[in-house]
Amino acid sequence: MYICGAGIPVHIKTRTNQPATMGIFVALLIILLWGVHLAYTLLHVQVSLTNPWMYLHILFQAYLFTGLFITAHDAMHGNISSKKQVNTFIGYLASFLFAGMYYKRLLKNHKLHHIHSATEQDPDFYVRSQNYFRWLGIFFWRYVTLIQLVVMAVFFNVLIRIPGVTEVSALTYWAIPAVLGTLQLFTVGIYWVHRLPHTKQMGPHRARTQHKHHPWAMLSCYFFGYHREHHDNPRIPWWNLYKQKG
């Protein structure tokens, strides 16, 4: 499990307090939904500005992209399985599908985020400006790599070589949702919860939390807006995080 001392997650070899099968089930369900819905939209949903279903499918696919990263995030905290190898495998898979990201690098940065939350040593925090767009630009600069761009380009070219998939449909149902999912994660899970001013209510981790409203918290970012609760106990998987809300 992980214990929290001064906001630092520490790994201890013991049994997790969460049902192992449930964590694996939730993780694989999100990955499966992402893949099935992507395939369905690419092959069966018309790309047309007058087609209202197109916009709904884009938003849903973006939400599933967000779910991929949330799944990788749970893997970082050992919340998917009591077996480290399972967490690592699903973490690599989910982060790769999300945006061709390298799980080991994400894990290293996320540990720093929990240790130095919302400080200069936090790779997710920008101390020089609280402007949304400047912080977003720095966030992309710190995390987007050349290898990642190559992976995404290869993925795109693989998609458009599938019979029935066009460049327009790949951009509409894969590329745009990937960007929207990233913006959702940044806005709810990084910018809003950690930006200045830091108040006493945010606790030692300098993390805000949404007001108690479970449907909205789930819709906005898989309960990730309950961010102080997450930093207080990172061993709670996302799908149980709402139970920590008093």
C-alpha atoms as a PDB file:
ATOM      1  CA  MET A   1       0.000   0.000   0.000  1.00  0.00           C
ATOM      2  CA  TYR A   2       0.989   3.673   0.118  1.00  0.00           C
ATOM      3  CA  ILE A   3       1.085   5.776   3.225  1.00  0.00           C
ATOM      4  CA  CYS A   4       1.210   9.535   3.233  1.00  0.00           C
ATOM      5  CA  GLY A   5       3.769  11.285   5.352  1.00  0.00           C
ATOM      6  CA  ALA A   6       4.151  14.995   4.731  1.00  0.00           C
ATOM      7  CA  GLY A   7       2.400  14.439   1.447  1.00  0.00           C
ATOM      8  CA  ILE A   8       4.914  11.820   0.261  1.00  0.00           C
ATOM      9  CA  PRO A   9       3.536   8.513  -1.058  1.00  0.00           C
ATOM     10  CA  VAL A  10       5.613   5.601   0.248  1.00  0.00           C
ATOM     11  CA  HIS A  11       5.384   2.117  -1.201  1.00  0.00           C
ATOM     12  CA  ILE A  12       5.097  -0.766   1.234  1.00  0.00           C
ATOM     13  CA  LYS A  13       4.745  -4.406   0.291  1.00  0.00           C
ATOM     14  CA  THR A  14       1.374  -5.338   1.652  1.00  0.00           C
ATOM     15  CA  ARG A  15      -2.087  -6.085   0.414  1.00  0.00           C
ATOM     16  CA  THR A  16      -4.125  -3.321  -1.072  1.00  0.00           C
ATOM     17  CA  ASN A  17      -7.338  -2.343   0.707  1.00  0.00           C
ATOM     18  CA  GLN A  18      -9.231  -2.408  -2.592  1.00  0.00           C
ATOM     19  CA  PRO A  19     -10.651  -5.469  -4.366  1.00  0.00           C
ATOM     20  CA  ALA A  20      -7.969  -6.415  -6.889  1.00  0.00           C
ATOM     21  CA  THR A  21     -10.426  -7.702  -9.481  1.00  0.00           C
ATOM     22  CA  MET A  22     -12.490  -4.507  -9.358  1.00  0.00           C
ATOM     23  CA  GLY A  23      -9.505  -2.307 -10.149  1.00  0.00           C
ATOM     24  CA  ILE A  24      -8.529  -4.447 -13.118  1.00  0.00           C
ATOM     25  CA  PHE A  25     -12.136  -4.605 -14.318  1.00  0.00           C
ATOM     26  CA  VAL A  26     -12.585  -0.810 -14.234  1.00  0.00           C
ATOM     27  CA  ALA A  27      -9.255  -0.211 -15.982  1.00  0.00           C
ATOM     28  CA  LEU A  28      -9.915  -2.723 -18.760  1.00  0.00           C
ATOM     29  CA  LEU A  29     -13.492  -1.473 -19.169  1.00  0.00           C
ATOM     30  CA  ILE A  30     -12.293   2.071 -19.893  1.00  0.00           C
ATOM     31  CA  ILE A  31      -9.649   0.842 -22.325  1.00  0.00           C
ATOM     32  CA  LEU A  32     -12.205  -1.384 -24.068  1.00  0.00           C
ATOM     33  CA  LEU A  33     -14.817   1.373 -24.280  1.00  0.00           C
ATOM     34  CA  TRP A  34     -12.201   3.733 -25.710  1.00  0.00           C
ATOM     35  CA  GLY A  35     -11.231   1.251 -28.413  1.00  0.00           C
ATOM     36  CA  VAL A  36     -14.755   0.105 -29.305  1.00  0.00           C
ATOM     37  CA  HIS A  37     -16.185   3.615 -29.459  1.00  0.00           C
ATOM     38  CA  LEU A  38     -13.248   4.853 -31.512  1.00  0.00           C
ATOM     39  CA  ALA A  39     -13.725   2.024 -34.010  1.00  0.00           C
ATOM     40  CA  TYR A  40     -17.469   2.658 -34.187  1.00  0.00           C
ATOM     41  CA  THR A  41     -17.138   6.385 -34.818  1.00  0.00           C
ATOM     42  CA  LEU A  42     -14.374   5.998 -37.392  1.00  0.00           C
ATOM     43  CA  LEU A  43     -16.374   3.504 -39.409  1.00  0.00           C
ATOM     44  CA  HIS A  44     -20.012   4.399 -38.849  1.00  0.00           C
ATOM     45  CA  VAL A  45     -20.539   8.014 -37.746  1.00  0.00           C
ATOM     46  CA  GLN A  46     -20.777  10.558 -40.537  1.00  0.00           C
ATOM     47  CA  VAL A  47     -18.491  13.566 -40.336  1.00  0.00           C
ATOM     48  CA  SER A  48     -20.739  16.511 -41.083  1.00  0.00           C
ATOM     49  CA  LEU A  49     -21.198  19.893 -39.438  1.00  0.00           C
ATOM     50  CA  THR A  50     -24.965  19.337 -39.613  1.00  0.00           C
ATOM     51  CA  ASN A  51     -24.800  15.952 -37.865  1.00  0.00           C
ATOM     52  CA  PRO A  52     -25.532  16.529 -34.130  1.00  0.00           C
ATOM     53  CA  TRP A  53     -24.410  12.994 -33.267  1.00  0.00           C
ATOM     54  CA  MET A  54     -20.922  13.850 -34.447  1.00  0.00           C
ATOM     55  CA  TYR A  55     -20.464  16.404 -31.659  1.00  0.00           C
ATOM     56  CA  LEU A  56     -21.788  14.027 -28.999  1.00  0.00           C
ATOM     57  CA  HIS A  57     -19.436  11.281 -30.150  1.00  0.00           C
ATOM     58  CA  ILE A  58     -16.488  13.699 -30.122  1.00  0.00           C
ATOM     59  CA  LEU A  59     -17.261  14.702 -26.534  1.00  0.00           C
ATOM     60  CA  PHE A  60     -17.745  11.111 -25.418  1.00  0.00           C
ATOM     61  CA  GLN A  61     -14.511   9.992 -27.057  1.00  0.00           C
ATOM     62  CA  ALA A  62     -12.709  12.923 -25.402  1.00  0.00           C
ATOM     63  CA  TYR A  63     -14.122  11.767 -22.062  1.00  0.00           C
ATOM     64  CA  LEU A  64     -12.799   8.274 -22.728  1.00  0.00           C
ATOM     65  CA  PHE A  65      -9.385   9.730 -23.596  1.00  0.00           C
ATOM     66  CA  THR A  66      -9.457  11.416 -20.188  1.00  0.00           C
ATOM     67  CA  GLY A  67     -10.339   8.048 -18.701  1.00  0.00           C
ATOM     68  CA  LEU A  68      -7.226   6.516 -20.249  1.00  0.00           C
ATOM     69  CA  PHE A  69      -5.000   8.950 -18.381  1.00  0.00           C
ATOM     70  CA  ILE A  70      -6.977   8.539 -15.169  1.00  0.00           C
ATOM     71  CA  THR A  71      -6.380   4.796 -15.547  1.00  0.00           C
ATOM     72  CA  ALA A  72      -2.643   5.334 -16.026  1.00  0.00           C
ATOM     73  CA  HIS A  73      -2.721   7.622 -12.993  1.00  0.00           C
ATOM     74  CA  ASP A  74      -4.332   4.917 -10.874  1.00  0.00           C
ATOM     75  CA  ALA A  75      -1.611   2.544 -12.023  1.00  0.00           C
ATOM     76  CA  MET A  76       1.025   5.009 -10.789  1.00  0.00           C
ATOM     77  CA  HIS A  77      -0.439   4.769  -7.301  1.00  0.00           C
ATOM     78  CA  GLY A  78      -0.796   0.980  -7.397  1.00  0.00           C
ATOM     79  CA  ASN A  79      -4.588   1.246  -7.326  1.00  0.00           C
ATOM     80  CA  ILE A  80      -5.408  -1.150 -10.145  1.00  0.00           C
ATOM     81  CA  SER A  81      -3.958  -4.343  -8.759  1.00  0.00           C
ATOM     82  CA  SER A  82      -2.017  -5.569  -5.744  1.00  0.00           C
ATOM     83  CA  LYS A  83       0.545  -6.889  -8.232  1.00  0.00           C
ATOM     84  CA  LYS A  84       3.098  -4.318  -9.355  1.00  0.00           C
ATOM     85  CA  GLN A  85       3.521  -5.974 -12.767  1.00  0.00           C
ATOM     86  CA  VAL A  86      -0.187  -5.587 -13.535  1.00  0.00           C
ATOM     87  CA  ASN A  87      -0.185  -1.915 -12.567  1.00  0.00           C
ATOM     88  CA  THR A  88       2.896  -1.319 -14.693  1.00  0.00           C
ATOM     89  CA  PHE A  89       1.483  -3.102 -17.737  1.00  0.00           C
ATOM     90  CA  ILE A  90      -1.846  -1.286 -17.633  1.00  0.00           C
ATOM     91  CA  GLY A  91      -0.065   1.993 -16.910  1.00  0.00           C
ATOM     92  CA  TYR A  92       2.147   1.609 -19.976  1.00  0.00           C
ATOM     93  CA  LEU A  93      -0.824   0.589 -22.134  1.00  0.00           C
ATOM     94  CA  ALA A  94      -3.181   3.367 -21.019  1.00  0.00           C
ATOM     95  CA  SER A  95      -0.592   6.156 -21.267  1.00  0.00           C
ATOM     96  CA  PHE A  96       0.530   4.920 -24.697  1.00  0.00           C
ATOM     97  CA  LEU A  97      -3.033   4.827 -26.023  1.00  0.00           C
ATOM     98  CA  PHE A  98      -3.776   8.225 -24.492  1.00  0.00           C
ATOM     99  CA  ALA A  99      -1.106  10.113 -26.419  1.00  0.00           C
ATOM    100  CA  GLY A 100       1.910   7.925 -27.074  1.00  0.00           C
ATOM    101  CA  MET A 101       3.280   8.894 -23.667  1.00  0.00           C
ATOM    102  CA  TYR A 102       6.049   7.044 -21.841  1.00  0.00           C
ATOM    103  CA  TYR A 103       4.666   5.682 -18.567  1.00  0.00           C
ATOM    104  CA  LYS A 104       8.013   5.539 -16.737  1.00  0.00           C
ATOM    105  CA  ARG A 105       8.608   9.254 -17.340  1.00  0.00           C
ATOM    106  CA  LEU A 106       5.056  10.089 -16.261  1.00  0.00           C
ATOM    107  CA  LEU A 107       5.540   8.066 -13.087  1.00  0.00           C
ATOM    108  CA  LYS A 108       8.756   9.897 -12.228  1.00  0.00           C
ATOM    109  CA  ASN A 109       7.126  13.306 -12.709  1.00  0.00           C
ATOM    110  CA  HIS A 110       4.013  12.314 -10.807  1.00  0.00           C
ATOM    111  CA  LYS A 111       6.043  11.289  -7.781  1.00  0.00           C
ATOM    112  CA  LEU A 112       7.637  14.736  -7.835  1.00  0.00           C
ATOM    113  CA  HIS A 113       4.175  16.276  -8.119  1.00  0.00           C
ATOM    114  CA  HIS A 114       3.047  14.578  -4.914  1.00  0.00           C
ATOM    115  CA  ILE A 115       6.248  15.358  -3.031  1.00  0.00           C
ATOM    116  CA  HIS A 116       6.494  19.018  -4.127  1.00  0.00           C
ATOM    117  CA  SER A 117       2.877  19.755  -4.941  1.00  0.00           C
ATOM    118  CA  ALA A 118       2.287  23.255  -6.376  1.00  0.00           C
ATOM    119  CA  THR A 119       5.868  24.423  -5.802  1.00  0.00           C
ATOM    120  CA  GLU A 120       8.768  25.223  -8.092  1.00  0.00           C
ATOM    121  CA  GLN A 121       9.906  21.600  -7.884  1.00  0.00           C
ATOM    122  CA  ASP A 122       6.521  20.358  -9.119  1.00  0.00           C
ATOM    123  CA  PRO A 123       6.752  19.581 -12.883  1.00  0.00           C
ATOM    124  CA  ASP A 124       3.004  20.189 -13.219  1.00  0.00           C
ATOM    125  CA  PHE A 125       3.075  23.649 -11.637  1.00  0.00           C
ATOM    126  CA  TYR A 126       4.153  26.926 -13.248  1.00  0.00           C
ATOM    127  CA  VAL A 127       5.430  29.454 -10.715  1.00  0.00           C
ATOM    128  CA  ARG A 128       6.070  32.347 -13.123  1.00  0.00           C
ATOM    129  CA  SER A 129       2.492  32.863 -14.225  1.00  0.00           C
ATOM    130  CA  GLN A 130      -1.013  31.764 -13.330  1.00  0.00           C
ATOM    131  CA  ASN A 131      -2.320  32.696 -16.759  1.00  0.00           C
ATOM    132  CA  TYR A 132      -4.196  29.679 -18.101  1.00  0.00           C
ATOM    133  CA  PHE A 133      -2.720  29.743 -21.601  1.00  0.00           C
ATOM    134  CA  ARG A 134       0.874  30.391 -20.525  1.00  0.00           C
ATOM    135  CA  TRP A 135       0.679  27.565 -17.987  1.00  0.00           C
ATOM    136  CA  LEU A 136      -0.896  25.310 -20.620  1.00  0.00           C
ATOM    137  CA  GLY A 137       1.893  26.097 -23.055  1.00  0.00           C
ATOM    138  CA  ILE A 138       4.555  25.276 -20.449  1.00  0.00           C
ATOM    139  CA  PHE A 139       2.676  22.081 -19.595  1.00  0.00           C
ATOM    140  CA  PHE A 140       2.804  20.950 -23.226  1.00  0.00           C
ATOM    141  CA  TRP A 141       6.451  22.007 -23.513  1.00  0.00           C
ATOM    142  CA  ARG A 142       7.410  19.912 -20.494  1.00  0.00           C
ATOM    143  CA  TYR A 143       5.496  16.793 -21.445  1.00  0.00           C
ATOM    144  CA  VAL A 144       5.342  16.562 -25.245  1.00  0.00           C
ATOM    145  CA  THR A 145       8.411  14.846 -26.718  1.00  0.00           C
ATOM    146  CA  LEU A 146       9.618  14.244 -30.258  1.00  0.00           C
ATOM    147  CA  ILE A 147       9.222  10.489 -29.838  1.00  0.00           C
ATOM    148  CA  GLN A 148       5.646  11.022 -28.704  1.00  0.00           C
ATOM    149  CA  LEU A 149       4.880  13.092 -31.808  1.00  0.00           C
ATOM    150  CA  VAL A 150       6.369  10.371 -33.994  1.00  0.00           C
ATOM    151  CA  VAL A 151       4.255   7.726 -32.243  1.00  0.00           C
ATOM    152  CA  MET A 152       1.101   9.791 -32.743  1.00  0.00           C
ATOM    153  CA  ALA A 153       1.948  10.358 -36.408  1.00  0.00           C
ATOM    154  CA  VAL A 154       2.452   6.622 -36.909  1.00  0.00           C
ATOM    155  CA  PHE A 155      -0.821   5.889 -35.112  1.00  0.00           C
ATOM    156  CA  PHE A 156      -2.663   8.357 -37.331  1.00  0.00           C
ATOM    157  CA  ASN A 157      -1.220   6.802 -40.497  1.00  0.00           C
ATOM    158  CA  VAL A 158      -2.180   3.339 -39.304  1.00  0.00           C
ATOM    159  CA  LEU A 159      -5.750   4.497 -38.707  1.00  0.00           C
ATOM    160  CA  ILE A 160      -6.220   6.021 -42.157  1.00  0.00           C
ATOM    161  CA  ARG A 161      -5.022   2.807 -43.795  1.00  0.00           C
ATOM    162  CA  ILE A 162      -7.926   0.897 -42.285  1.00  0.00           C
ATOM    163  CA  PRO A 163     -10.583   0.382 -44.984  1.00  0.00           C
ATOM    164  CA  GLY A 164     -13.398   2.887 -44.462  1.00  0.00           C
ATOM    165  CA  VAL A 165     -11.363   5.300 -42.323  1.00  0.00           C
ATOM    166  CA  THR A 166     -10.540   8.682 -43.865  1.00  0.00           C
ATOM    167  CA  GLU A 167      -8.145  11.401 -42.772  1.00  0.00           C
ATOM    168  CA  VAL A 168     -11.092  13.610 -41.856  1.00  0.00           C
ATOM    169  CA  SER A 169     -12.711  10.960 -39.682  1.00  0.00           C
ATOM    170  CA  ALA A 170      -9.394  10.184 -37.957  1.00  0.00           C
ATOM    171  CA  LEU A 171      -8.886  13.862 -37.186  1.00  0.00           C
ATOM    172  CA  THR A 172     -12.482  14.244 -36.017  1.00  0.00           C
ATOM    173  CA  TYR A 173     -12.856  11.168 -33.825  1.00  0.00           C
ATOM    174  CA  TRP A 174      -9.275  10.517 -32.712  1.00  0.00           C
ATOM    175  CA  ALA A 175      -7.111  13.656 -32.883  1.00  0.00           C
ATOM    176  CA  ILE A 176      -9.651  16.236 -31.695  1.00  0.00           C
ATOM    177  CA  PRO A 177     -10.891  14.091 -28.760  1.00  0.00           C
ATOM    178  CA  ALA A 178      -7.270  13.486 -27.714  1.00  0.00           C
ATOM    179  CA  VAL A 179      -6.689  17.230 -27.489  1.00  0.00           C
ATOM    180  CA  LEU A 180      -9.990  17.848 -25.696  1.00  0.00           C
ATOM    181  CA  GLY A 181      -9.235  15.088 -23.193  1.00  0.00           C
ATOM    182  CA  THR A 182      -5.854  16.651 -22.467  1.00  0.00           C
ATOM    183  CA  LEU A 183      -7.489  20.043 -21.922  1.00  0.00           C
ATOM    184  CA  GLN A 184     -10.012  18.477 -19.556  1.00  0.00           C
ATOM    185  CA  LEU A 185      -7.235  16.894 -17.501  1.00  0.00           C
ATOM    186  CA  PHE A 186      -5.188  20.082 -17.403  1.00  0.00           C
ATOM    187  CA  THR A 187      -8.116  22.364 -16.558  1.00  0.00           C
ATOM    188  CA  VAL A 188      -9.733  20.278 -13.832  1.00  0.00           C
ATOM    189  CA  GLY A 189      -6.862  18.146 -12.551  1.00  0.00           C
ATOM    190  CA  ILE A 190      -3.961  20.610 -12.641  1.00  0.00           C
ATOM    191  CA  TYR A 191      -4.795  24.267 -13.238  1.00  0.00           C
ATOM    192  CA  TRP A 192      -7.942  24.806 -11.187  1.00  0.00           C
ATOM    193  CA  VAL A 193      -7.000  22.578  -8.263  1.00  0.00           C
ATOM    194  CA  HIS A 194      -3.458  23.904  -7.755  1.00  0.00           C
ATOM    195  CA  ARG A 195      -3.450  27.506  -8.985  1.00  0.00           C
ATOM    196  CA  LEU A 196      -2.842  30.475  -6.701  1.00  0.00           C
ATOM    197  CA  PRO A 197      -3.902  31.731  -4.280  1.00  0.00           C
ATOM    198  CA  HIS A 198      -3.136  28.841  -1.960  1.00  0.00           C
ATOM    199  CA  THR A 199      -5.408  28.911   1.056  1.00  0.00           C
ATOM    200  CA  LYS A 200      -5.453  27.123   4.389  1.00  0.00           C
ATOM    201  CA  GLN A 201      -8.453  25.086   3.235  1.00  0.00           C
ATOM    202  CA  MET A 202      -6.319  23.534   0.503  1.00  0.00           C
ATOM    203  CA  GLY A 203      -4.211  21.728   3.086  1.00  0.00           C
ATOM    204  CA  PRO A 204      -0.491  20.892   3.047  1.00  0.00           C
ATOM    205  CA  HIS A 205      -0.654  19.665  -0.561  1.00  0.00           C
ATOM    206  CA  ARG A 206      -2.007  23.000  -1.831  1.00  0.00           C
ATOM    207  CA  ALA A 207      -4.905  21.224  -3.551  1.00  0.00           C
ATOM    208  CA  ARG A 208      -8.457  22.508  -3.947  1.00  0.00           C
ATOM    209  CA  THR A 209     -11.499  20.314  -4.024  1.00  0.00           C
ATOM    210  CA  GLN A 210     -14.865  20.606  -5.729  1.00  0.00           C
ATOM    211  CA  HIS A 211     -17.999  21.004  -3.678  1.00  0.00           C
ATOM    212  CA  LYS A 212     -19.785  17.737  -3.051  1.00  0.00           C
ATOM    213  CA  HIS A 213     -21.709  16.910  -6.204  1.00  0.00           C
ATOM    214  CA  HIS A 214     -20.899  13.383  -7.311  1.00  0.00           C
ATOM    215  CA  PRO A 215     -22.556  13.386 -10.776  1.00  0.00           C
ATOM    216  CA  TRP A 216     -20.803  16.624 -11.749  1.00  0.00           C
ATOM    217  CA  ALA A 217     -17.506  15.475 -10.228  1.00  0.00           C
ATOM    218  CA  MET A 218     -17.694  12.268 -12.254  1.00  0.00           C
ATOM    219  CA  LEU A 219     -18.613  14.099 -15.453  1.00  0.00           C
ATOM    220  CA  SER A 220     -16.022  16.854 -15.061  1.00  0.00           C
ATOM    221  CA  CYS A 221     -13.032  14.555 -14.575  1.00  0.00           C
ATOM    222  CA  TYR A 222     -13.720  11.146 -12.995  1.00  0.00           C
ATOM    223  CA  PHE A 223     -13.883  12.601  -9.446  1.00  0.00           C
ATOM    224  CA  PHE A 224     -10.441  14.127  -9.964  1.00  0.00           C
ATOM    225  CA  GLY A 225     -11.848  17.490  -8.913  1.00  0.00           C
ATOM    226  CA  TYR A 226     -11.981  16.010  -5.409  1.00  0.00           C
ATOM    227  CA  HIS A 227      -8.297  16.741  -5.476  1.00  0.00           C
ATOM    228  CA  ARG A 228      -7.470  17.448  -1.868  1.00  0.00           C
ATOM    229  CA  GLU A 229      -9.024  14.081  -1.042  1.00  0.00           C
ATOM    230  CA  HIS A 230      -6.770  12.450  -3.616  1.00  0.00           C
ATOM    231  CA  HIS A 231      -3.624  14.071  -2.212  1.00  0.00           C
ATOM    232  CA  ASP A 232      -4.670  13.215   1.338  1.00  0.00           C
ATOM    233  CA  ASN A 233      -4.985   9.548   0.399  1.00  0.00           C
ATOM    234  CA  PRO A 234      -3.550   8.647  -3.026  1.00  0.00           C
ATOM    235  CA  ARG A 235      -4.279   4.966  -2.371  1.00  0.00           C
ATOM    236  CA  ILE A 236      -7.969   5.523  -3.093  1.00  0.00           C
ATOM    237  CA  PRO A 237      -8.786   4.584  -6.717  1.00  0.00           C
ATOM    238  CA  TRP A 238     -10.669   7.168  -8.747  1.00  0.00           C
ATOM    239  CA  TRP A 239     -13.891   5.179  -8.687  1.00  0.00           C
ATOM    240  CA  ASN A 240     -13.948   5.215  -4.864  1.00  0.00           C
ATOM    241  CA  LEU A 241     -12.703   8.765  -4.398  1.00  0.00           C
ATOM    242  CA  TYR A 242     -16.209  10.168  -3.972  1.00  0.00           C
ATOM    243  CA  LYS A 243     -16.531   8.184  -0.715  1.00  0.00           C
ATOM    244  CA  GLN A 244     -13.858  10.416   0.816  1.00  0.00           C
ATOM    245  CA  LYS A 245     -16.049  13.466   0.350  1.00  0.00           C
ATOM    246  CA  GLY A 246     -17.554  14.428   3.699  1.00  0.00           C
END
